[in-house]
Structures are given as C-alpha cells and as structure tokens.
Amino acid sequence: MAKFVKLGEKATIFYDPTLSFKVITGEVKELPSNYRFGKRTVKALQGGHLVLTDKNDTLDKEDEELTAEVLKAYKKADLVAKALELKSEYSEEELNSMTKAELIEEVLSL
C-alpha cells in the first residue's frame, strides 16, 4: 500500500538528493517505496518535517499563504501558471520572458 506525505506545519520545502524526492508547500506526494534508503527522508519523517497523510488530503487554495519564501520554491513554469490562474494582466508570452524574481513580485501583487 502506498504512503503519501505532505510538509509539516513549519516546513516550506523538502528535498532528498539520494532519492531525488522533492515536496513543496501545498503538495501531497507518494512516498518512494525505497524511502528507507534516504537518510534525510527518514529523519524528516521522524522530526515532523514530513507528515504521513491520505492521498486525498490537499490544502485549500484559500488557506495557502503565498509569500516570497514559499514562491521561491516554485519553478518558473509553475510561477507562470500561478500568475495566469490569478488573472495576471500580462500575456503568457510576457510572463515567460520575465525573470523568476519579477514573476514572484507579479504573483504577490495579485
């Protein structure tokens, strides 16, 4: 049976390079079957950085607080999608030509 994890209360990002396993704010991901080989993953589970959860457990979009620190964990493509989702006045092409810092400012302004 697959296990699913999300970030703990105070965590904003988690990455285990041994397993190439990454979780960012608002995500619920399936725990790799070989997670016991990743020391960081095991310690994160023990310390509360990662929390076991149900597959259907997701954060409400309204409850997710968008801060610059949280948005820095997003990839550029995810920031563009978030800006379009929040009805940015810029077109998709204009958003793609922006730097990551400019995209973060744009998302925070919406």
PDB file of N, CA and C in Angstrom:
ATOM      1  N   MET A   1       0.841  -1.182   0.000  1.00  0.00           N
ATOM      2  CA  MET A   1       0.000   0.000   0.000  1.00  0.00           C
ATOM      3  C   MET A   1       0.882   1.240   0.000  1.00  0.00           C
ATOM      4  N   ALA A   2       0.558   2.162  -0.857  1.00  0.00           N
ATOM      5  CA  ALA A   2       1.357   3.377  -0.996  1.00  0.00           C
ATOM      6  C   ALA A   2       1.115   4.316   0.178  1.00  0.00           C
ATOM      7  N   LYS A   3       2.173   5.008   0.576  1.00  0.00           N
ATOM      8  CA  LYS A   3       2.085   6.009   1.633  1.00  0.00           C
ATOM      9  C   LYS A   3       2.258   7.379   0.988  1.00  0.00           C
ATOM     10  N   PHE A   4       1.552   8.353   1.517  1.00  0.00           N
ATOM     11  CA  PHE A   4       1.618   9.708   0.991  1.00  0.00           C
ATOM     12  C   PHE A   4       2.090  10.655   2.083  1.00  0.00           C
ATOM     13  N   VAL A   5       2.829  11.692   1.678  1.00  0.00           N
ATOM     14  CA  VAL A   5       3.356  12.659   2.633  1.00  0.00           C
ATOM     15  C   VAL A   5       3.067  14.080   2.159  1.00  0.00           C
ATOM     16  N   LYS A   6       3.046  14.976   3.137  1.00  0.00           N
ATOM     17  CA  LYS A   6       2.996  16.406   2.871  1.00  0.00           C
ATOM     18  C   LYS A   6       3.956  17.063   3.844  1.00  0.00           C
ATOM     19  N   LEU A   7       4.225  18.333   3.644  1.00  0.00           N
ATOM     20  CA  LEU A   7       5.141  19.052   4.526  1.00  0.00           C
ATOM     21  C   LEU A   7       4.498  19.286   5.883  1.00  0.00           C
ATOM     22  N   GLY A   8       5.347  19.328   6.898  1.00  0.00           N
ATOM     23  CA  GLY A   8       4.887  19.651   8.235  1.00  0.00           C
ATOM     24  C   GLY A   8       4.458  21.103   8.326  1.00  0.00           C
ATOM     25  N   GLU A   9       3.956  21.490   9.488  1.00  0.00           N
ATOM     26  CA  GLU A   9       3.382  22.815   9.696  1.00  0.00           C
ATOM     27  C   GLU A   9       4.337  23.962   9.365  1.00  0.00           C
ATOM     28  N   LYS A  10       5.586  23.858   9.800  1.00  0.00           N
ATOM     29  CA  LYS A  10       6.533  24.965   9.647  1.00  0.00           C
ATOM     30  C   LYS A  10       7.442  24.831   8.420  1.00  0.00           C
ATOM     31  N   ALA A  11       7.331  23.748   7.685  1.00  0.00           N
ATOM     32  CA  ALA A  11       8.216  23.491   6.545  1.00  0.00           C
ATOM     33  C   ALA A  11       7.703  24.180   5.281  1.00  0.00           C
ATOM     34  N   THR A  12       8.629  24.588   4.420  1.00  0.00           N
ATOM     35  CA  THR A  12       8.251  25.186   3.138  1.00  0.00           C
ATOM     36  C   THR A  12       8.711  24.350   1.952  1.00  0.00           C
ATOM     37  N   ILE A  13       9.762  23.550   2.150  1.00  0.00           N
ATOM     38  CA  ILE A  13      10.275  22.706   1.068  1.00  0.00           C
ATOM     39  C   ILE A  13      11.068  21.561   1.675  1.00  0.00           C
ATOM     40  N   PHE A  14      11.093  20.423   0.955  1.00  0.00           N
ATOM     41  CA  PHE A  14      11.911  19.287   1.358  1.00  0.00           C
ATOM     42  C   PHE A  14      12.494  18.660   0.101  1.00  0.00           C
ATOM     43  N   TYR A  15      13.775  18.286   0.172  1.00  0.00           N
ATOM     44  CA  TYR A  15      14.424  17.604  -0.943  1.00  0.00           C
ATOM     45  C   TYR A  15      15.430  16.600  -0.406  1.00  0.00           C
ATOM     46  N   ASP A  16      15.357  15.363  -0.898  1.00  0.00           N
ATOM     47  CA  ASP A  16      16.325  14.325  -0.558  1.00  0.00           C
ATOM     48  C   ASP A  16      17.063  13.956  -1.848  1.00  0.00           C
ATOM     49  N   PRO A  17      18.334  14.371  -1.983  1.00  0.00           N
ATOM     50  CA  PRO A  17      19.062  14.115  -3.229  1.00  0.00           C
ATOM     51  C   PRO A  17      19.334  12.633  -3.484  1.00  0.00           C
ATOM     52  N   THR A  18      19.379  11.840  -2.434  1.00  0.00           N
ATOM     53  CA  THR A  18      19.616  10.406  -2.608  1.00  0.00           C
ATOM     54  C   THR A  18      18.490   9.763  -3.411  1.00  0.00           C
ATOM     55  N   LEU A  19      17.265  10.187  -3.131  1.00  0.00           N
ATOM     56  CA  LEU A  19      16.094   9.612  -3.793  1.00  0.00           C
ATOM     57  C   LEU A  19      15.540  10.498  -4.908  1.00  0.00           C
ATOM     58  N   SER A  20      16.094  11.701  -5.060  1.00  0.00           N
ATOM     59  CA  SER A  20      15.546  12.717  -5.971  1.00  0.00           C
ATOM     60  C   SER A  20      14.071  12.941  -5.656  1.00  0.00           C
ATOM     61  N   PHE A  21      13.776  13.108  -4.369  1.00  0.00           N
ATOM     62  CA  PHE A  21      12.407  13.253  -3.880  1.00  0.00           C
ATOM     63  C   PHE A  21      12.227  14.664  -3.347  1.00  0.00           C
ATOM     64  N   LYS A  22      11.258  15.404  -3.920  1.00  0.00           N
ATOM     65  CA  LYS A  22      11.044  16.798  -3.554  1.00  0.00           C
ATOM     66  C   LYS A  22       9.570  17.036  -3.247  1.00  0.00           C
ATOM     67  N   VAL A  23       9.307  17.772  -2.174  1.00  0.00           N
ATOM     68  CA  VAL A  23       7.948  18.164  -1.807  1.00  0.00           C
ATOM     69  C   VAL A  23       7.975  19.656  -1.516  1.00  0.00           C
ATOM     70  N   ILE A  24       7.039  20.403  -2.109  1.00  0.00           N
ATOM     71  CA  ILE A  24       6.936  21.832  -1.820  1.00  0.00           C
ATOM     72  C   ILE A  24       5.581  22.108  -1.168  1.00  0.00           C
ATOM     73  N   THR A  25       5.414  23.306  -0.699  1.00  0.00           N
ATOM     74  CA  THR A  25       4.200  23.696   0.006  1.00  0.00           C
ATOM     75  C   THR A  25       2.957  23.409  -0.823  1.00  0.00           C
ATOM     76  N   GLY A  26       1.983  22.784  -0.205  1.00  0.00           N
ATOM     77  CA  GLY A  26       0.717  22.506  -0.867  1.00  0.00           C
ATOM     78  C   GLY A  26       0.659  21.191  -1.614  1.00  0.00           C
ATOM     79  N   GLU A  27       1.757  20.462  -1.698  1.00  0.00           N
ATOM     80  CA  GLU A  27       1.785  19.199  -2.423  1.00  0.00           C
ATOM     81  C   GLU A  27       1.547  18.018  -1.491  1.00  0.00           C
ATOM     82  N   VAL A  28       0.889  17.004  -2.026  1.00  0.00           N
ATOM     83  CA  VAL A  28       0.800  15.697  -1.377  1.00  0.00           C
ATOM     84  C   VAL A  28       1.416  14.732  -2.368  1.00  0.00           C
ATOM     85  N   LYS A  29       2.521  14.093  -1.977  1.00  0.00           N
ATOM     86  CA  LYS A  29       3.235  13.202  -2.891  1.00  0.00           C
ATOM     87  C   LYS A  29       3.316  11.797  -2.327  1.00  0.00           C
ATOM     88  N   GLU A  30       3.410  10.839  -3.247  1.00  0.00           N
ATOM     89  CA  GLU A  30       3.584   9.449  -2.847  1.00  0.00           C
ATOM     90  C   GLU A  30       5.024   9.254  -2.381  1.00  0.00           C
ATOM     91  N   LEU A  31       5.165   8.635  -1.235  1.00  0.00           N
ATOM     92  CA  LEU A  31       6.481   8.351  -0.677  1.00  0.00           C
ATOM     93  C   LEU A  31       7.122   7.236  -1.491  1.00  0.00           C
ATOM     94  N   PRO A  32       8.357   7.403  -1.965  1.00  0.00           N
ATOM     95  CA  PRO A  32       9.000   6.339  -2.746  1.00  0.00           C
ATOM     96  C   PRO A  32       9.082   5.042  -1.940  1.00  0.00           C
ATOM     97  N   SER A  33       8.960   3.921  -2.625  1.00  0.00           N
ATOM     98  CA  SER A  33       8.984   2.628  -1.929  1.00  0.00           C
ATOM     99  C   SER A  33      10.329   2.371  -1.256  1.00  0.00           C
ATOM    100  N   ASN A  34      11.394   2.988  -1.756  1.00  0.00           N
ATOM    101  CA  ASN A  34      12.729   2.806  -1.184  1.00  0.00           C
ATOM    102  C   ASN A  34      13.116   3.958  -0.249  1.00  0.00           C
ATOM    103  N   TYR A  35      12.129   4.582   0.391  1.00  0.00           N
ATOM    104  CA  TYR A  35      12.405   5.769   1.213  1.00  0.00           C
ATOM    105  C   TYR A  35      13.321   5.483   2.390  1.00  0.00           C
ATOM    106  N   ARG A  36      13.405   4.241   2.818  1.00  0.00           N
ATOM    107  CA  ARG A  36      14.265   3.897   3.964  1.00  0.00           C
ATOM    108  C   ARG A  36      15.757   4.055   3.631  1.00  0.00           C
ATOM    109  N   PHE A  37      16.094   4.106   2.344  1.00  0.00           N
ATOM    110  CA  PHE A  37      17.482   4.293   1.933  1.00  0.00           C
ATOM    111  C   PHE A  37      17.887   5.770   1.945  1.00  0.00           C
ATOM    112  N   GLY A  38      16.918   6.646   2.020  1.00  0.00           N
ATOM    113  CA  GLY A  38      17.208   8.081   2.071  1.00  0.00           C
ATOM    114  C   GLY A  38      17.234   8.549   3.511  1.00  0.00           C
ATOM    115  N   LYS A  39      18.434   8.806   4.029  1.00  0.00           N
ATOM    116  CA  LYS A  39      18.563   9.207   5.434  1.00  0.00           C
ATOM    117  C   LYS A  39      17.799  10.494   5.722  1.00  0.00           C
ATOM    118  N   ARG A  40      17.836  11.437   4.792  1.00  0.00           N
ATOM    119  CA  ARG A  40      17.122  12.706   5.003  1.00  0.00           C
ATOM    120  C   ARG A  40      15.615  12.484   5.099  1.00  0.00           C
ATOM    121  N   THR A  41      15.095  11.604   4.264  1.00  0.00           N
ATOM    122  CA  THR A  41      13.655  11.333   4.282  1.00  0.00           C
ATOM    123  C   THR A  41      13.242  10.700   5.603  1.00  0.00           C
ATOM    124  N   VAL A  42      14.012   9.736   6.069  1.00  0.00           N
ATOM    125  CA  VAL A  42      13.702   9.070   7.337  1.00  0.00           C
ATOM    126  C   VAL A  42      13.751  10.073   8.488  1.00  0.00           C
ATOM    127  N   LYS A  43      14.799  10.904   8.518  1.00  0.00           N
ATOM    128  CA  LYS A  43      14.909  11.907   9.589  1.00  0.00           C
ATOM    129  C   LYS A  43      13.804  12.957   9.502  1.00  0.00           C
ATOM    130  N   ALA A  44      13.407  13.325   8.286  1.00  0.00           N
ATOM    131  CA  ALA A  44      12.331  14.304   8.118  1.00  0.00           C
ATOM    132  C   ALA A  44      11.002  13.745   8.618  1.00  0.00           C
ATOM    133  N   LEU A  45      10.768  12.460   8.395  1.00  0.00           N
ATOM    134  CA  LEU A  45       9.551  11.825   8.901  1.00  0.00           C
ATOM    135  C   LEU A  45       9.573  11.756  10.430  1.00  0.00           C
ATOM    136  N   GLN A  46      10.715  11.435  10.992  1.00  0.00           N
ATOM    137  CA  GLN A  46      10.831  11.336  12.447  1.00  0.00           C
ATOM    138  C   GLN A  46      10.725  12.701  13.112  1.00  0.00           C
ATOM    139  N   GLY A  47      11.239  13.737  12.463  1.00  0.00           N
ATOM    140  CA  GLY A  47      11.271  15.065  13.058  1.00  0.00           C
ATOM    141  C   GLY A  47      10.054  15.931  12.778  1.00  0.00           C
ATOM    142  N   GLY A  48       9.125  15.450  11.952  1.00  0.00           N
ATOM    143  CA  GLY A  48       7.925  16.221  11.672  1.00  0.00           C
ATOM    144  C   GLY A  48       8.019  17.151  10.475  1.00  0.00           C
ATOM    145  N   HIS A  49       9.163  17.145   9.785  1.00  0.00           N
ATOM    146  CA  HIS A  49       9.306  17.970   8.576  1.00  0.00           C
ATOM    147  C   HIS A  49       8.383  17.431   7.480  1.00  0.00           C
ATOM    148  N   LEU A  50       8.260  16.098   7.410  1.00  0.00           N
ATOM    149  CA  LEU A  50       7.302  15.434   6.530  1.00  0.00           C
ATOM    150  C   LEU A  50       6.276  14.728   7.401  1.00  0.00           C
ATOM    151  N   VAL A  51       5.023  14.724   6.954  1.00  0.00           N
ATOM    152  CA  VAL A  51       3.936  14.118   7.720  1.00  0.00           C
ATOM    153  C   VAL A  51       3.192  13.147   6.817  1.00  0.00           C
ATOM    154  N   LEU A  52       2.937  11.933   7.316  1.00  0.00           N
ATOM    155  CA  LEU A  52       2.143  10.971   6.562  1.00  0.00           C
ATOM    156  C   LEU A  52       0.706  11.466   6.491  1.00  0.00           C
ATOM    157  N   THR A  53       0.068  11.266   5.338  1.00  0.00           N
ATOM    158  CA  THR A  53      -1.285  11.778   5.131  1.00  0.00           C
ATOM    159  C   THR A  53      -2.034  10.887   4.150  1.00  0.00           C
ATOM    160  N   ASP A  54      -3.291  11.201   3.923  1.00  0.00           N
ATOM    161  CA  ASP A  54      -4.101  10.478   2.943  1.00  0.00           C
ATOM    162  C   ASP A  54      -3.824  11.021   1.547  1.00  0.00           C
ATOM    163  N   LYS A  55      -4.117  10.201   0.547  1.00  0.00           N
ATOM    164  CA  LYS A  55      -3.915  10.630  -0.836  1.00  0.00           C
ATOM    165  C   LYS A  55      -4.793  11.835  -1.161  1.00  0.00           C
ATOM    166  N   ASN A  56      -5.989  11.865  -0.619  1.00  0.00           N
ATOM    167  CA  ASN A  56      -6.950  12.921  -0.949  1.00  0.00           C
ATOM    168  C   ASN A  56      -6.772  14.166  -0.115  1.00  0.00           C
ATOM    169  N   ASP A  57      -5.834  14.170   0.823  1.00  0.00           N
ATOM    170  CA  ASP A  57      -5.623  15.323   1.692  1.00  0.00           C
ATOM    171  C   ASP A  57      -4.870  16.393   0.921  1.00  0.00           C
ATOM    172  N   THR A  58      -5.541  17.481   0.630  1.00  0.00           N
ATOM    173  CA  THR A  58      -4.905  18.590  -0.069  1.00  0.00           C
ATOM    174  C   THR A  58      -5.203  19.865   0.680  1.00  0.00           C
ATOM    175  N   LEU A  59      -4.368  20.853   0.506  1.00  0.00           N
ATOM    176  CA  LEU A  59      -4.589  22.145   1.140  1.00  0.00           C
ATOM    177  C   LEU A  59      -5.553  22.955   0.294  1.00  0.00           C
ATOM    178  N   ASP A  60      -6.437  23.692   0.935  1.00  0.00           N
ATOM    179  CA  ASP A  60      -7.343  24.578   0.219  1.00  0.00           C
ATOM    180  C   ASP A  60      -6.541  25.714  -0.387  1.00  0.00           C
ATOM    181  N   LYS A  61      -6.915  26.136  -1.589  1.00  0.00           N
ATOM    182  CA  LYS A  61      -6.203  27.218  -2.257  1.00  0.00           C
ATOM    183  C   LYS A  61      -6.299  28.512  -1.457  1.00  0.00           C
ATOM    184  N   GLU A  62      -7.432  28.732  -0.776  1.00  0.00           N
ATOM    185  CA  GLU A  62      -7.588  29.949   0.001  1.00  0.00           C
ATOM    186  C   GLU A  62      -6.701  29.934   1.244  1.00  0.00           C
ATOM    187  N   ASP A  63      -6.452  28.755   1.798  1.00  0.00           N
ATOM    188  CA  ASP A  63      -5.662  28.642   3.020  1.00  0.00           C
ATOM    189  C   ASP A  63      -4.159  28.759   2.764  1.00  0.00           C
ATOM    190  N   GLU A  64      -3.751  28.532   1.520  1.00  0.00           N
ATOM    191  CA  GLU A  64      -2.330  28.569   1.190  1.00  0.00           C
ATOM    192  C   GLU A  64      -1.851  30.017   1.166  1.00  0.00           C
ATOM    193  N   GLU A  65      -0.946  30.340   2.058  1.00  0.00           N
ATOM    194  CA  GLU A  65      -0.432  31.701   2.137  1.00  0.00           C
ATOM    195  C   GLU A  65       0.745  31.849   1.178  1.00  0.00           C
ATOM    196  N   LEU A  66       0.609  32.740   0.223  1.00  0.00           N
ATOM    197  CA  LEU A  66       1.669  32.952  -0.754  1.00  0.00           C
ATOM    198  C   LEU A  66       2.607  34.036  -0.240  1.00  0.00           C
ATOM    199  N   THR A  67       3.813  33.631   0.079  1.00  0.00           N
ATOM    200  CA  THR A  67       4.848  34.566   0.495  1.00  0.00           C
ATOM    201  C   THR A  67       6.017  34.413  -0.469  1.00  0.00           C
ATOM    202  N   ALA A  68       6.924  35.354  -0.428  1.00  0.00           N
ATOM    203  CA  ALA A  68       8.098  35.290  -1.309  1.00  0.00           C
ATOM    204  C   ALA A  68       8.901  34.024  -1.022  1.00  0.00           C
ATOM    205  N   GLU A  69       8.991  33.649   0.248  1.00  0.00           N
ATOM    206  CA  GLU A  69       9.751  32.456   0.626  1.00  0.00           C
ATOM    207  C   GLU A  69       9.126  31.194   0.038  1.00  0.00           C
ATOM    208  N   VAL A  70       7.807  31.105   0.065  1.00  0.00           N
ATOM    209  CA  VAL A  70       7.106  29.940  -0.491  1.00  0.00           C
ATOM    210  C   VAL A  70       7.256  29.923  -2.007  1.00  0.00           C
ATOM    211  N   LEU A  71       7.126  31.081  -2.638  1.00  0.00           N
ATOM    212  CA  LEU A  71       7.194  31.149  -4.098  1.00  0.00           C
ATOM    213  C   LEU A  71       8.589  30.871  -4.644  1.00  0.00           C
ATOM    214  N   LYS A  72       9.629  31.088  -3.853  1.00  0.00           N
ATOM    215  CA  LYS A  72      10.992  30.791  -4.310  1.00  0.00           C
ATOM    216  C   LYS A  72      11.182  29.305  -4.575  1.00  0.00           C
ATOM    217  N   ALA A  73      10.382  28.458  -3.935  1.00  0.00           N
ATOM    218  CA  ALA A  73      10.481  27.012  -4.128  1.00  0.00           C
ATOM    219  C   ALA A  73       9.840  26.568  -5.443  1.00  0.00           C
ATOM    220  N   TYR A  74       9.005  27.429  -6.044  1.00  0.00           N
ATOM    221  CA  TYR A  74       8.336  27.095  -7.287  1.00  0.00           C
ATOM    222  C   TYR A  74       9.311  27.223  -8.466  1.00  0.00           C
ATOM    223  N   LYS A  75       9.082  26.404  -9.482  1.00  0.00           N
ATOM    224  CA  LYS A  75       9.828  26.547 -10.730  1.00  0.00           C
ATOM    225  C   LYS A  75       9.217  27.688 -11.525  1.00  0.00           C
ATOM    226  N   LYS A  76       9.960  28.186 -12.500  1.00  0.00           N
ATOM    227  CA  LYS A  76       9.498  29.326 -13.289  1.00  0.00           C
ATOM    228  C   LYS A  76       8.180  29.007 -13.999  1.00  0.00           C
ATOM    229  N   ALA A  77       8.063  27.806 -14.544  1.00  0.00           N
ATOM    230  CA  ALA A  77       6.836  27.415 -15.248  1.00  0.00           C
ATOM    231  C   ALA A  77       5.640  27.397 -14.292  1.00  0.00           C
ATOM    232  N   ASP A  78       5.869  26.968 -13.050  1.00  0.00           N
ATOM    233  CA  ASP A  78       4.797  26.950 -12.052  1.00  0.00           C
ATOM    234  C   ASP A  78       4.382  28.368 -11.677  1.00  0.00           C
ATOM    235  N   LEU A  79       5.349  29.282 -11.618  1.00  0.00           N
ATOM    236  CA  LEU A  79       5.035  30.684 -11.321  1.00  0.00           C
ATOM    237  C   LEU A  79       4.211  31.312 -12.435  1.00  0.00           C
ATOM    238  N   VAL A  80       4.542  30.973 -13.674  1.00  0.00           N
ATOM    239  CA  VAL A  80       3.771  31.483 -14.814  1.00  0.00           C
ATOM    240  C   VAL A  80       2.335  30.964 -14.732  1.00  0.00           C
ATOM    241  N   ALA A  81       2.178  29.677 -14.445  1.00  0.00           N
ATOM    242  CA  ALA A  81       0.844  29.088 -14.331  1.00  0.00           C
ATOM    243  C   ALA A  81       0.061  29.730 -13.187  1.00  0.00           C
ATOM    244  N   LYS A  82       0.728  29.986 -12.065  1.00  0.00           N
ATOM    245  CA  LYS A  82       0.078  30.616 -10.907  1.00  0.00           C
ATOM    246  C   LYS A  82      -0.367  32.031 -11.257  1.00  0.00           C
ATOM    247  N   ALA A  83       0.471  32.788 -11.975  1.00  0.00           N
ATOM    248  CA  ALA A  83       0.121  34.150 -12.372  1.00  0.00           C
ATOM    249  C   ALA A  83      -1.091  34.140 -13.313  1.00  0.00           C
ATOM    250  N   LEU A  84      -1.122  33.188 -14.242  1.00  0.00           N
ATOM    251  CA  LEU A  84      -2.264  33.089 -15.156  1.00  0.00           C
ATOM    252  C   LEU A  84      -3.526  32.689 -14.400  1.00  0.00           C
ATOM    253  N   GLU A  85      -3.368  31.804 -13.430  1.00  0.00           N
ATOM    254  CA  GLU A  85      -4.502  31.355 -12.607  1.00  0.00           C
ATOM    255  C   GLU A  85      -5.097  32.519 -11.807  1.00  0.00           C
ATOM    256  N   LEU A  86      -4.230  33.424 -11.343  1.00  0.00           N
ATOM    257  CA  LEU A  86      -4.675  34.564 -10.555  1.00  0.00           C
ATOM    258  C   LEU A  86      -5.062  35.765 -11.423  1.00  0.00           C
ATOM    259  N   LYS A  87      -5.205  35.532 -12.727  1.00  0.00           N
ATOM    260  CA  LYS A  87      -5.666  36.557 -13.678  1.00  0.00           C
ATOM    261  C   LYS A  87      -4.710  37.741 -13.804  1.00  0.00           C
ATOM    262  N   SER A  88      -3.468  37.422 -14.141  1.00  0.00           N
ATOM    263  CA  SER A  88      -2.482  38.468 -14.371  1.00  0.00           C
ATOM    264  C   SER A  88      -2.854  39.277 -15.605  1.00  0.00           C
ATOM    265  N   GLU A  89      -2.472  40.556 -15.615  1.00  0.00           N
ATOM    266  CA  GLU A  89      -2.766  41.419 -16.763  1.00  0.00           C
ATOM    267  C   GLU A  89      -1.807  41.150 -17.923  1.00  0.00           C
ATOM    268  N   TYR A  90      -0.734  40.414 -17.678  1.00  0.00           N
ATOM    269  CA  TYR A  90       0.242  40.100 -18.717  1.00  0.00           C
ATOM    270  C   TYR A  90      -0.160  38.829 -19.470  1.00  0.00           C
ATOM    271  N   SER A  91       0.268  38.742 -20.726  1.00  0.00           N
ATOM    272  CA  SER A  91       0.001  37.535 -21.512  1.00  0.00           C
ATOM    273  C   SER A  91       0.996  36.449 -21.105  1.00  0.00           C
ATOM    274  N   GLU A  92       0.739  35.242 -21.560  1.00  0.00           N
ATOM    275  CA  GLU A  92       1.616  34.115 -21.224  1.00  0.00           C
ATOM    276  C   GLU A  92       3.029  34.332 -21.784  1.00  0.00           C
ATOM    277  N   GLU A  93       3.126  34.900 -22.975  1.00  0.00           N
ATOM    278  CA  GLU A  93       4.443  35.166 -23.572  1.00  0.00           C
ATOM    279  C   GLU A  93       5.225  36.182 -22.756  1.00  0.00           C
ATOM    280  N   GLU A  94       4.537  37.228 -22.298  1.00  0.00           N
ATOM    281  CA  GLU A  94       5.202  38.244 -21.482  1.00  0.00           C
ATOM    282  C   GLU A  94       5.658  37.661 -20.147  1.00  0.00           C
ATOM    283  N   LEU A  95       4.830  36.810 -19.570  1.00  0.00           N
ATOM    284  CA  LEU A  95       5.198  36.174 -18.300  1.00  0.00           C
ATOM    285  C   LEU A  95       6.403  35.258 -18.476  1.00  0.00           C
ATOM    286  N   ASN A  96       6.455  34.532 -19.581  1.00  0.00           N
ATOM    287  CA  ASN A  96       7.590  33.639 -19.842  1.00  0.00           C
ATOM    288  C   ASN A  96       8.890  34.399 -20.046  1.00  0.00           C
ATOM    289  N   SER A  97       8.811  35.643 -20.508  1.00  0.00           N
ATOM    290  CA  SER A  97      10.026  36.426 -20.734  1.00  0.00           C
ATOM    291  C   SER A  97      10.536  37.088 -19.452  1.00  0.00           C
ATOM    292  N   MET A  98       9.732  37.085 -18.392  1.00  0.00           N
ATOM    293  CA  MET A  98      10.145  37.683 -17.117  1.00  0.00           C
ATOM    294  C   MET A  98      11.132  36.789 -16.382  1.00  0.00           C
ATOM    295  N   THR A  99      11.919  37.400 -15.495  1.00  0.00           N
ATOM    296  CA  THR A  99      12.802  36.616 -14.638  1.00  0.00           C
ATOM    297  C   THR A  99      11.976  36.033 -13.492  1.00  0.00           C
ATOM    298  N   LYS A 100      12.575  35.107 -12.778  1.00  0.00           N
ATOM    299  CA  LYS A 100      11.875  34.469 -11.666  1.00  0.00           C
ATOM    300  C   LYS A 100      11.521  35.490 -10.579  1.00  0.00           C
ATOM    301  N   ALA A 101      12.416  36.416 -10.296  1.00  0.00           N
ATOM    302  CA  ALA A 101      12.162  37.445  -9.285  1.00  0.00           C
ATOM    303  C   ALA A 101      10.988  38.335  -9.689  1.00  0.00           C
ATOM    304  N   GLU A 102      10.921  38.686 -10.981  1.00  0.00           N
ATOM    305  CA  GLU A 102       9.803  39.501 -11.472  1.00  0.00           C
ATOM    306  C   GLU A 102       8.490  38.736 -11.385  1.00  0.00           C
ATOM    307  N   LEU A 103       8.533  37.433 -11.664  1.00  0.00           N
ATOM    308  CA  LEU A 103       7.330  36.605 -11.576  1.00  0.00           C
ATOM    309  C   LEU A 103       6.834  36.521 -10.128  1.00  0.00           C
ATOM    310  N   ILE A 104       7.764  36.387  -9.183  1.00  0.00           N
ATOM    311  CA  ILE A 104       7.390  36.330  -7.767  1.00  0.00           C
ATOM    312  C   ILE A 104       6.689  37.631  -7.369  1.00  0.00           C
ATOM    313  N   GLU A 105       7.249  38.759  -7.793  1.00  0.00           N
ATOM    314  CA  GLU A 105       6.636  40.060  -7.491  1.00  0.00           C
ATOM    315  C   GLU A 105       5.249  40.168  -8.112  1.00  0.00           C
ATOM    316  N   GLU A 106       5.102  39.674  -9.336  1.00  0.00           N
ATOM    317  CA  GLU A 106       3.807  39.729 -10.037  1.00  0.00           C
ATOM    318  C   GLU A 106       2.767  38.882  -9.299  1.00  0.00           C
ATOM    319  N   VAL A 107       3.122  37.675  -8.898  1.00  0.00           N
ATOM    320  CA  VAL A 107       2.179  36.804  -8.187  1.00  0.00           C
ATOM    321  C   VAL A 107       1.799  37.407  -6.847  1.00  0.00           C
ATOM    322  N   LEU A 108       2.749  37.980  -6.149  1.00  0.00           N
ATOM    323  CA  LEU A 108       2.458  38.593  -4.852  1.00  0.00           C
ATOM    324  C   LEU A 108       1.560  39.816  -4.990  1.00  0.00           C
ATOM    325  N   SER A 109       1.642  40.516  -6.116  1.00  0.00           N
ATOM    326  CA  SER A 109       0.829  41.710  -6.310  1.00  0.00           C
ATOM    327  C   SER A 109      -0.627  41.373  -6.654  1.00  0.00           C
ATOM    328  N   LEU A 110      -0.877  40.140  -7.056  1.00  0.00           N
ATOM    329  CA  LEU A 110      -2.256  39.752  -7.461  1.00  0.00           C
ATOM    330  C   LEU A 110      -3.097  39.331  -6.282  1.00  0.00           C
TER     331      LEU A 110
END
